[in-house]
Amino acid sequence: MIRQGIEPLFTESDKNSNDHRINLRRIYSRVAKYWPSVLICVIIAMLFAFAYLRYATSQYLVSSRILIKTDKNNSGNGALLSELGMNPGTNNVENEVEILKSRILMQQVVSQMHLNINYYIPGNIKTTSLYQEAPFTFIPLYPDSIINAAIQYDVIKLNDGSMKLSSNGKYITARLGDTVVLDDKRLVIETNPYADEEYKSVERFRVEVVPLEPAIDAYQAALTVEMANKQVNIITLSIKDVLPERGKDVLNSLINA
């Protein structure tokens, strides 16, 4: 028995048949009544997808391969291998893998490249990360050991060519090339010769100096080093980074260290 007001999806002949074909016309007539709601849901989903693609921070995977010569001895890396608790006489490729994964080597790269100093362009919704595009660079003159937490500097370019630096409620005015002391910390503001023309007109920047140890931990966690094939002496290195050029330079520095 069929209740009044509810149309069956199957005809009587369909019920008695083996194939139970669906009455598409009745289904369409039901769905058609709700098409405005369906359309609104589709539009909202598309807007959310657009917003995500527009403002989400992308992660890039940068990879490189190196060929290890089997006849190369480990005498040059003997001290480092001993410090890592490894026998210099073991397999050369395995030793190179452990060296490239070592914290000692990553610490050297992070220190040389100042990877614990990050540059941003603050935005209302999304903050843009910079690598070598900013028109200036910060060179801290204080030891990394005194940094217990991240230090944030807000930089505003003024009309006379100078810039206003603020940190922890304190601020000073400086120019490129100046050595300044802000919040009891001494640093040099240098002109960046690699600055991108696109960002020279930007008025607001943010610089964040983080402790060295967390920066090393972050880059080590993003790094993968493995033997590409046990039959050949090839090592594959890959690193995840929001800035692919920076990731490329990190891998090159690890290889050339």
C-alpha atoms as a PDB file:
ATOM      1  CA  MET A   1       0.000   0.000   0.000  1.00  0.00           C
ATOM      2  CA  ILE A   2       1.311   3.426  -0.953  1.00  0.00           C
ATOM      3  CA  ARG A   3       0.630   6.478   1.185  1.00  0.00           C
ATOM      4  CA  GLN A   4      -1.051   9.437  -0.417  1.00  0.00           C
ATOM      5  CA  GLY A   5       1.227  12.330  -1.359  1.00  0.00           C
ATOM      6  CA  ILE A   6       4.298  10.146  -1.799  1.00  0.00           C
ATOM      7  CA  GLU A   7       5.086   8.981  -5.306  1.00  0.00           C
ATOM      8  CA  PRO A   8       6.795   5.652  -5.711  1.00  0.00           C
ATOM      9  CA  LEU A   9      10.196   5.512  -7.302  1.00  0.00           C
ATOM     10  CA  PHE A  10       9.316   2.198  -8.931  1.00  0.00           C
ATOM     11  CA  THR A  11       6.266   1.430 -11.036  1.00  0.00           C
ATOM     12  CA  GLU A  12       4.140  -1.567 -10.260  1.00  0.00           C
ATOM     13  CA  SER A  13       5.488  -3.350 -13.285  1.00  0.00           C
ATOM     14  CA  ASP A  14       9.000  -2.575 -12.123  1.00  0.00           C
ATOM     15  CA  LYS A  15       8.334  -4.086  -8.732  1.00  0.00           C
ATOM     16  CA  ASN A  16       7.262  -7.284 -10.345  1.00  0.00           C
ATOM     17  CA  SER A  17      10.218  -7.379 -12.685  1.00  0.00           C
ATOM     18  CA  ASN A  18      13.696  -8.526 -11.829  1.00  0.00           C
ATOM     19  CA  ASP A  19      15.624  -5.452 -12.962  1.00  0.00           C
ATOM     20  CA  HIS A  20      13.881  -2.903 -10.642  1.00  0.00           C
ATOM     21  CA  ARG A  21      14.521   0.003 -12.985  1.00  0.00           C
ATOM     22  CA  ILE A  22      14.392   3.442 -11.339  1.00  0.00           C
ATOM     23  CA  ASN A  23      11.821   5.921 -12.573  1.00  0.00           C
ATOM     24  CA  LEU A  24      14.223   8.747 -13.519  1.00  0.00           C
ATOM     25  CA  ARG A  25      11.427  11.128 -14.436  1.00  0.00           C
ATOM     26  CA  ARG A  26       9.961  11.009 -10.936  1.00  0.00           C
ATOM     27  CA  ILE A  27      13.390  11.435  -9.336  1.00  0.00           C
ATOM     28  CA  TYR A  28      14.100  14.446 -11.540  1.00  0.00           C
ATOM     29  CA  SER A  29      10.740  16.028 -10.690  1.00  0.00           C
ATOM     30  CA  ARG A  30      11.564  15.776  -6.985  1.00  0.00           C
ATOM     31  CA  VAL A  31      15.106  17.141  -7.275  1.00  0.00           C
ATOM     32  CA  ALA A  32      14.031  19.976  -9.582  1.00  0.00           C
ATOM     33  CA  LYS A  33      11.981  21.518  -6.772  1.00  0.00           C
ATOM     34  CA  TYR A  34      15.176  22.035  -4.750  1.00  0.00           C
ATOM     35  CA  TRP A  35      17.487  23.292  -7.513  1.00  0.00           C
ATOM     36  CA  PRO A  36      17.887  26.796  -5.969  1.00  0.00           C
ATOM     37  CA  SER A  37      19.248  25.232  -2.775  1.00  0.00           C
ATOM     38  CA  VAL A  38      21.523  22.944  -4.776  1.00  0.00           C
ATOM     39  CA  LEU A  39      22.812  25.892  -6.791  1.00  0.00           C
ATOM     40  CA  ILE A  40      23.516  27.919  -3.648  1.00  0.00           C
ATOM     41  CA  CYS A  41      25.441  25.006  -2.100  1.00  0.00           C
ATOM     42  CA  VAL A  42      27.534  24.625  -5.263  1.00  0.00           C
ATOM     43  CA  ILE A  43      28.342  28.359  -5.318  1.00  0.00           C
ATOM     44  CA  ILE A  44      29.333  28.336  -1.631  1.00  0.00           C
ATOM     45  CA  ALA A  45      31.558  25.292  -2.164  1.00  0.00           C
ATOM     46  CA  MET A  46      33.247  26.990  -5.126  1.00  0.00           C
ATOM     47  CA  LEU A  47      33.838  30.155  -3.080  1.00  0.00           C
ATOM     48  CA  PHE A  48      35.413  28.137  -0.262  1.00  0.00           C
ATOM     49  CA  ALA A  49      37.619  26.303  -2.764  1.00  0.00           C
ATOM     50  CA  PHE A  50      38.722  29.592  -4.338  1.00  0.00           C
ATOM     51  CA  ALA A  51      39.497  31.129  -0.939  1.00  0.00           C
ATOM     52  CA  TYR A  52      41.539  28.089   0.068  1.00  0.00           C
ATOM     53  CA  LEU A  53      43.572  28.105  -3.151  1.00  0.00           C
ATOM     54  CA  ARG A  54      44.041  31.876  -2.901  1.00  0.00           C
ATOM     55  CA  TYR A  55      45.137  32.134   0.725  1.00  0.00           C
ATOM     56  CA  ALA A  56      46.518  28.706   1.690  1.00  0.00           C
ATOM     57  CA  THR A  57      50.292  28.507   2.060  1.00  0.00           C
ATOM     58  CA  SER A  58      51.730  26.095  -0.491  1.00  0.00           C
ATOM     59  CA  GLN A  59      54.441  23.584   0.371  1.00  0.00           C
ATOM     60  CA  TYR A  60      56.982  22.714  -2.301  1.00  0.00           C
ATOM     61  CA  LEU A  61      59.117  19.580  -2.509  1.00  0.00           C
ATOM     62  CA  VAL A  62      62.614  20.266  -3.826  1.00  0.00           C
ATOM     63  CA  SER A  63      64.788  17.264  -4.731  1.00  0.00           C
ATOM     64  CA  SER A  64      68.348  16.624  -5.818  1.00  0.00           C
ATOM     65  CA  ARG A  65      70.561  13.608  -6.499  1.00  0.00           C
ATOM     66  CA  ILE A  66      74.259  13.147  -5.997  1.00  0.00           C
ATOM     67  CA  LEU A  67      76.562  10.393  -7.206  1.00  0.00           C
ATOM     68  CA  ILE A  68      79.094   9.053  -4.684  1.00  0.00           C
ATOM     69  CA  LYS A  69      82.363   7.700  -6.061  1.00  0.00           C
ATOM     70  CA  THR A  70      83.140   4.297  -4.605  1.00  0.00           C
ATOM     71  CA  ASP A  71      86.891   4.809  -4.763  1.00  0.00           C
ATOM     72  CA  LYS A  72      86.726   7.945  -2.672  1.00  0.00           C
ATOM     73  CA  ASN A  73      88.078   7.364   0.803  1.00  0.00           C
ATOM     74  CA  ASN A  74      86.603   8.834   3.953  1.00  0.00           C
ATOM     75  CA  SER A  75      89.785  10.361   5.339  1.00  0.00           C
ATOM     76  CA  GLY A  76      88.491  13.887   4.831  1.00  0.00           C
ATOM     77  CA  ASN A  77      85.347  13.133   6.832  1.00  0.00           C
ATOM     78  CA  GLY A  78      87.017  10.912   9.418  1.00  0.00           C
ATOM     79  CA  ALA A  79      86.673  13.404  12.270  1.00  0.00           C
ATOM     80  CA  LEU A  80      83.033  14.094  11.484  1.00  0.00           C
ATOM     81  CA  LEU A  81      82.244  10.390  11.182  1.00  0.00           C
ATOM     82  CA  SER A  82      83.912   9.696  14.509  1.00  0.00           C
ATOM     83  CA  GLU A  83      81.901  12.512  16.096  1.00  0.00           C
ATOM     84  CA  LEU A  84      78.736  10.912  14.714  1.00  0.00           C
ATOM     85  CA  GLY A  85      79.772   7.589  16.268  1.00  0.00           C
ATOM     86  CA  MET A  86      80.438   5.935  12.898  1.00  0.00           C
ATOM     87  CA  ASN A  87      83.338   3.892  11.631  1.00  0.00           C
ATOM     88  CA  PRO A  88      85.162   5.693   8.764  1.00  0.00           C
ATOM     89  CA  GLY A  89      85.930   2.298   7.250  1.00  0.00           C
ATOM     90  CA  THR A  90      82.295   1.346   6.631  1.00  0.00           C
ATOM     91  CA  ASN A  91      80.371   1.709   3.365  1.00  0.00           C
ATOM     92  CA  ASN A  92      81.131   5.076   1.800  1.00  0.00           C
ATOM     93  CA  VAL A  93      77.573   5.737   0.560  1.00  0.00           C
ATOM     94  CA  GLU A  94      76.021   4.924   3.926  1.00  0.00           C
ATOM     95  CA  ASN A  95      78.485   7.273   5.588  1.00  0.00           C
ATOM     96  CA  GLU A  96      77.569  10.086   3.195  1.00  0.00           C
ATOM     97  CA  VAL A  97      73.876   9.556   3.937  1.00  0.00           C
ATOM     98  CA  GLU A  98      74.480   9.874   7.674  1.00  0.00           C
ATOM     99  CA  ILE A  99      76.664  12.964   7.178  1.00  0.00           C
ATOM    100  CA  LEU A 100      74.010  14.703   5.064  1.00  0.00           C
ATOM    101  CA  LYS A 101      71.363  13.866   7.686  1.00  0.00           C
ATOM    102  CA  SER A 102      73.544  14.982  10.598  1.00  0.00           C
ATOM    103  CA  ARG A 103      72.549  17.845  12.855  1.00  0.00           C
ATOM    104  CA  ILE A 104      76.106  19.185  12.762  1.00  0.00           C
ATOM    105  CA  LEU A 105      75.913  19.774   9.022  1.00  0.00           C
ATOM    106  CA  MET A 106      72.436  21.311   9.202  1.00  0.00           C
ATOM    107  CA  GLN A 107      73.572  23.625  11.990  1.00  0.00           C
ATOM    108  CA  GLN A 108      76.403  24.819   9.777  1.00  0.00           C
ATOM    109  CA  VAL A 109      74.012  25.499   6.873  1.00  0.00           C
ATOM    110  CA  VAL A 110      71.404  27.273   9.022  1.00  0.00           C
ATOM    111  CA  SER A 111      74.074  29.497  10.575  1.00  0.00           C
ATOM    112  CA  GLN A 112      75.770  30.386   7.297  1.00  0.00           C
ATOM    113  CA  MET A 113      72.509  31.127   5.470  1.00  0.00           C
ATOM    114  CA  HIS A 114      70.896  32.906   8.473  1.00  0.00           C
ATOM    115  CA  LEU A 115      67.873  30.646   8.098  1.00  0.00           C
ATOM    116  CA  ASN A 116      66.662  31.585  11.570  1.00  0.00           C
ATOM    117  CA  ILE A 117      65.834  35.062  10.204  1.00  0.00           C
ATOM    118  CA  ASN A 118      62.569  35.172   8.261  1.00  0.00           C
ATOM    119  CA  TYR A 119      61.123  38.041   6.239  1.00  0.00           C
ATOM    120  CA  TYR A 120      57.417  38.612   5.597  1.00  0.00           C
ATOM    121  CA  ILE A 121      54.949  41.028   4.077  1.00  0.00           C
ATOM    122  CA  PRO A 122      52.025  41.189   6.519  1.00  0.00           C
ATOM    123  CA  GLY A 123      48.528  41.151   5.041  1.00  0.00           C
ATOM    124  CA  ASN A 124      44.979  41.360   6.314  1.00  0.00           C
ATOM    125  CA  ILE A 125      44.349  37.680   5.552  1.00  0.00           C
ATOM    126  CA  LYS A 126      47.584  36.131   4.331  1.00  0.00           C
ATOM    127  CA  THR A 127      51.186  36.885   5.259  1.00  0.00           C
ATOM    128  CA  THR A 128      53.622  36.457   2.358  1.00  0.00           C
ATOM    129  CA  SER A 129      57.003  34.840   3.047  1.00  0.00           C
ATOM    130  CA  LEU A 130      60.112  36.281   1.393  1.00  0.00           C
ATOM    131  CA  TYR A 131      63.544  34.826   0.833  1.00  0.00           C
ATOM    132  CA  GLN A 132      65.914  37.162  -1.005  1.00  0.00           C
ATOM    133  CA  GLU A 133      63.275  39.554  -2.310  1.00  0.00           C
ATOM    134  CA  ALA A 134      63.191  42.056   0.596  1.00  0.00           C
ATOM    135  CA  PRO A 135      65.067  45.354  -0.035  1.00  0.00           C
ATOM    136  CA  PHE A 136      67.071  44.934   3.190  1.00  0.00           C
ATOM    137  CA  THR A 137      68.634  42.270   5.388  1.00  0.00           C
ATOM    138  CA  PHE A 138      69.087  42.115   9.149  1.00  0.00           C
ATOM    139  CA  ILE A 139      72.488  41.064  10.477  1.00  0.00           C
ATOM    140  CA  PRO A 140      72.232  40.454  14.249  1.00  0.00           C
ATOM    141  CA  LEU A 141      75.376  41.334  16.180  1.00  0.00           C
ATOM    142  CA  TYR A 142      74.249  39.448  19.277  1.00  0.00           C
ATOM    143  CA  PRO A 143      74.918  35.744  19.881  1.00  0.00           C
ATOM    144  CA  ASP A 144      72.172  33.264  19.119  1.00  0.00           C
ATOM    145  CA  SER A 145      72.461  31.909  22.650  1.00  0.00           C
ATOM    146  CA  ILE A 146      70.680  34.970  24.115  1.00  0.00           C
ATOM    147  CA  ILE A 147      67.539  34.331  22.022  1.00  0.00           C
ATOM    148  CA  ASN A 148      65.117  32.292  24.113  1.00  0.00           C
ATOM    149  CA  ALA A 149      62.022  33.052  22.041  1.00  0.00           C
ATOM    150  CA  ALA A 150      61.194  34.480  18.645  1.00  0.00           C
ATOM    151  CA  ILE A 151      61.872  38.214  18.254  1.00  0.00           C
ATOM    152  CA  GLN A 152      59.587  40.112  15.890  1.00  0.00           C
ATOM    153  CA  TYR A 153      60.529  43.386  14.216  1.00  0.00           C
ATOM    154  CA  ASP A 154      57.928  45.460  12.374  1.00  0.00           C
ATOM    155  CA  VAL A 155      59.458  47.642   9.659  1.00  0.00           C
ATOM    156  CA  ILE A 156      57.689  50.623   8.081  1.00  0.00           C
ATOM    157  CA  LYS A 157      59.319  52.567   5.259  1.00  0.00           C
ATOM    158  CA  LEU A 158      59.003  56.344   5.673  1.00  0.00           C
ATOM    159  CA  ASN A 159      58.742  59.024   2.980  1.00  0.00           C
ATOM    160  CA  ASP A 160      62.237  60.399   3.594  1.00  0.00           C
ATOM    161  CA  GLY A 161      63.856  57.025   2.783  1.00  0.00           C
ATOM    162  CA  SER A 162      64.355  55.986   6.395  1.00  0.00           C
ATOM    163  CA  MET A 163      62.473  53.215   8.160  1.00  0.00           C
ATOM    164  CA  LYS A 164      60.770  52.816  11.493  1.00  0.00           C
ATOM    165  CA  LEU A 165      61.643  49.668  13.418  1.00  0.00           C
ATOM    166  CA  SER A 166      59.541  48.502  16.350  1.00  0.00           C
ATOM    167  CA  SER A 167      59.821  45.526  18.693  1.00  0.00           C
ATOM    168  CA  ASN A 168      58.159  44.808  22.042  1.00  0.00           C
ATOM    169  CA  GLY A 169      56.628  48.281  22.161  1.00  0.00           C
ATOM    170  CA  LYS A 170      59.938  50.060  21.492  1.00  0.00           C
ATOM    171  CA  TYR A 171      60.836  51.743  18.214  1.00  0.00           C
ATOM    172  CA  ILE A 172      63.641  53.630  16.489  1.00  0.00           C
ATOM    173  CA  THR A 173      64.206  55.292  13.115  1.00  0.00           C
ATOM    174  CA  ALA A 174      67.105  54.107  10.969  1.00  0.00           C
ATOM    175  CA  ARG A 175      68.446  53.998   7.422  1.00  0.00           C
ATOM    176  CA  LEU A 176      69.986  51.285   5.316  1.00  0.00           C
ATOM    177  CA  GLY A 177      73.548  50.665   6.427  1.00  0.00           C
ATOM    178  CA  ASP A 178      72.933  51.771  10.019  1.00  0.00           C
ATOM    179  CA  THR A 179      73.917  49.791  13.087  1.00  0.00           C
ATOM    180  CA  VAL A 180      71.136  50.085  15.626  1.00  0.00           C
ATOM    181  CA  VAL A 181      70.237  48.905  19.111  1.00  0.00           C
ATOM    182  CA  LEU A 182      66.612  47.959  19.642  1.00  0.00           C
ATOM    183  CA  ASP A 183      65.273  46.283  22.763  1.00  0.00           C
ATOM    184  CA  ASP A 184      68.869  45.871  24.024  1.00  0.00           C
ATOM    185  CA  LYS A 185      69.881  43.970  20.892  1.00  0.00           C
ATOM    186  CA  ARG A 186      72.397  45.277  18.374  1.00  0.00           C
ATOM    187  CA  LEU A 187      71.964  44.651  14.639  1.00  0.00           C
ATOM    188  CA  VAL A 188      72.945  45.991  11.220  1.00  0.00           C
ATOM    189  CA  ILE A 189      70.434  46.871   8.498  1.00  0.00           C
ATOM    190  CA  GLU A 190      72.073  46.242   5.138  1.00  0.00           C
ATOM    191  CA  THR A 191      70.902  46.832   1.587  1.00  0.00           C
ATOM    192  CA  ASN A 192      69.963  43.595  -0.154  1.00  0.00           C
ATOM    193  CA  PRO A 193      71.620  43.501  -3.614  1.00  0.00           C
ATOM    194  CA  TYR A 194      69.306  40.643  -4.644  1.00  0.00           C
ATOM    195  CA  ALA A 195      66.091  42.527  -3.834  1.00  0.00           C
ATOM    196  CA  ASP A 196      63.168  42.036  -6.177  1.00  0.00           C
ATOM    197  CA  GLU A 197      61.967  45.245  -7.856  1.00  0.00           C
ATOM    198  CA  GLU A 198      58.398  44.182  -7.131  1.00  0.00           C
ATOM    199  CA  TYR A 199      58.917  44.553  -3.381  1.00  0.00           C
ATOM    200  CA  LYS A 200      60.896  47.806  -3.318  1.00  0.00           C
ATOM    201  CA  SER A 201      57.646  49.783  -3.257  1.00  0.00           C
ATOM    202  CA  VAL A 202      56.202  47.765  -0.363  1.00  0.00           C
ATOM    203  CA  GLU A 203      55.910  49.918   2.765  1.00  0.00           C
ATOM    204  CA  ARG A 204      55.465  47.324   5.527  1.00  0.00           C
ATOM    205  CA  PHE A 205      57.597  44.309   6.342  1.00  0.00           C
ATOM    206  CA  ARG A 206      57.970  41.950   9.268  1.00  0.00           C
ATOM    207  CA  VAL A 207      61.211  40.288  10.322  1.00  0.00           C
ATOM    208  CA  GLU A 208      61.275  37.368  12.732  1.00  0.00           C
ATOM    209  CA  VAL A 209      64.440  36.087  14.386  1.00  0.00           C
ATOM    210  CA  VAL A 210      63.955  32.674  15.967  1.00  0.00           C
ATOM    211  CA  PRO A 211      66.369  30.730  18.193  1.00  0.00           C
ATOM    212  CA  LEU A 212      68.896  28.699  16.224  1.00  0.00           C
ATOM    213  CA  GLU A 213      68.009  25.306  17.715  1.00  0.00           C
ATOM    214  CA  PRO A 214      64.300  25.322  16.699  1.00  0.00           C
ATOM    215  CA  ALA A 215      65.306  26.485  13.208  1.00  0.00           C
ATOM    216  CA  ILE A 216      67.714  23.543  12.902  1.00  0.00           C
ATOM    217  CA  ASP A 217      65.000  21.169  14.136  1.00  0.00           C
ATOM    218  CA  ALA A 218      62.519  22.500  11.558  1.00  0.00           C
ATOM    219  CA  TYR A 219      64.883  22.109   8.603  1.00  0.00           C
ATOM    220  CA  GLN A 220      66.014  18.677   9.726  1.00  0.00           C
ATOM    221  CA  ALA A 221      62.393  17.557   9.981  1.00  0.00           C
ATOM    222  CA  ALA A 222      61.724  18.836   6.451  1.00  0.00           C
ATOM    223  CA  LEU A 223      64.797  17.058   5.018  1.00  0.00           C
ATOM    224  CA  THR A 224      64.828  13.513   3.622  1.00  0.00           C
ATOM    225  CA  VAL A 225      68.068  11.751   2.668  1.00  0.00           C
ATOM    226  CA  GLU A 226      68.042   8.212   1.303  1.00  0.00           C
ATOM    227  CA  MET A 227      69.826   5.908  -1.090  1.00  0.00           C
ATOM    228  CA  ALA A 228      68.034   5.996  -4.434  1.00  0.00           C
ATOM    229  CA  ASN A 229      69.121   2.463  -5.289  1.00  0.00           C
ATOM    230  CA  LYS A 230      71.368   0.017  -3.476  1.00  0.00           C
ATOM    231  CA  GLN A 231      72.755  -1.129  -6.806  1.00  0.00           C
ATOM    232  CA  VAL A 232      74.133   2.335  -7.626  1.00  0.00           C
ATOM    233  CA  ASN A 233      75.856   4.902  -5.431  1.00  0.00           C
ATOM    234  CA  ILE A 234      73.222   7.622  -5.795  1.00  0.00           C
ATOM    235  CA  ILE A 235      71.781   9.551  -2.864  1.00  0.00           C
ATOM    236  CA  THR A 236      68.463  11.410  -3.125  1.00  0.00           C
ATOM    237  CA  LEU A 237      67.922  14.547  -1.054  1.00  0.00           C
ATOM    238  CA  SER A 238      64.564  16.287  -0.772  1.00  0.00           C
ATOM    239  CA  ILE A 239      63.246  19.079   1.399  1.00  0.00           C
ATOM    240  CA  LYS A 240      59.835  20.683   1.896  1.00  0.00           C
ATOM    241  CA  ASP A 241      59.706  24.467   1.980  1.00  0.00           C
ATOM    242  CA  VAL A 242      57.187  27.228   1.336  1.00  0.00           C
ATOM    243  CA  LEU A 243      59.892  28.941  -0.752  1.00  0.00           C
ATOM    244  CA  PRO A 244      61.306  26.612  -3.430  1.00  0.00           C
ATOM    245  CA  GLU A 245      64.366  28.794  -4.116  1.00  0.00           C
ATOM    246  CA  ARG A 246      65.321  28.652  -0.450  1.00  0.00           C
ATOM    247  CA  GLY A 247      64.873  24.888  -0.423  1.00  0.00           C
ATOM    248  CA  LYS A 248      67.117  24.615  -3.478  1.00  0.00           C
ATOM    249  CA  ASP A 249      69.830  26.702  -1.805  1.00  0.00           C
ATOM    250  CA  VAL A 250      69.624  24.602   1.362  1.00  0.00           C
ATOM    251  CA  LEU A 251      70.191  21.382  -0.598  1.00  0.00           C
ATOM    252  CA  ASN A 252      73.096  22.936  -2.525  1.00  0.00           C
ATOM    253  CA  SER A 253      74.669  24.124   0.733  1.00  0.00           C
ATOM    254  CA  LEU A 254      74.338  20.663   2.281  1.00  0.00           C
ATOM    255  CA  ILE A 255      75.934  19.050  -0.770  1.00  0.00           C
ATOM    256  CA  ASN A 256      78.791  21.558  -0.945  1.00  0.00           C
ATOM    257  CA  ALA A 257      79.452  21.735   2.805  1.00  0.00           C
END
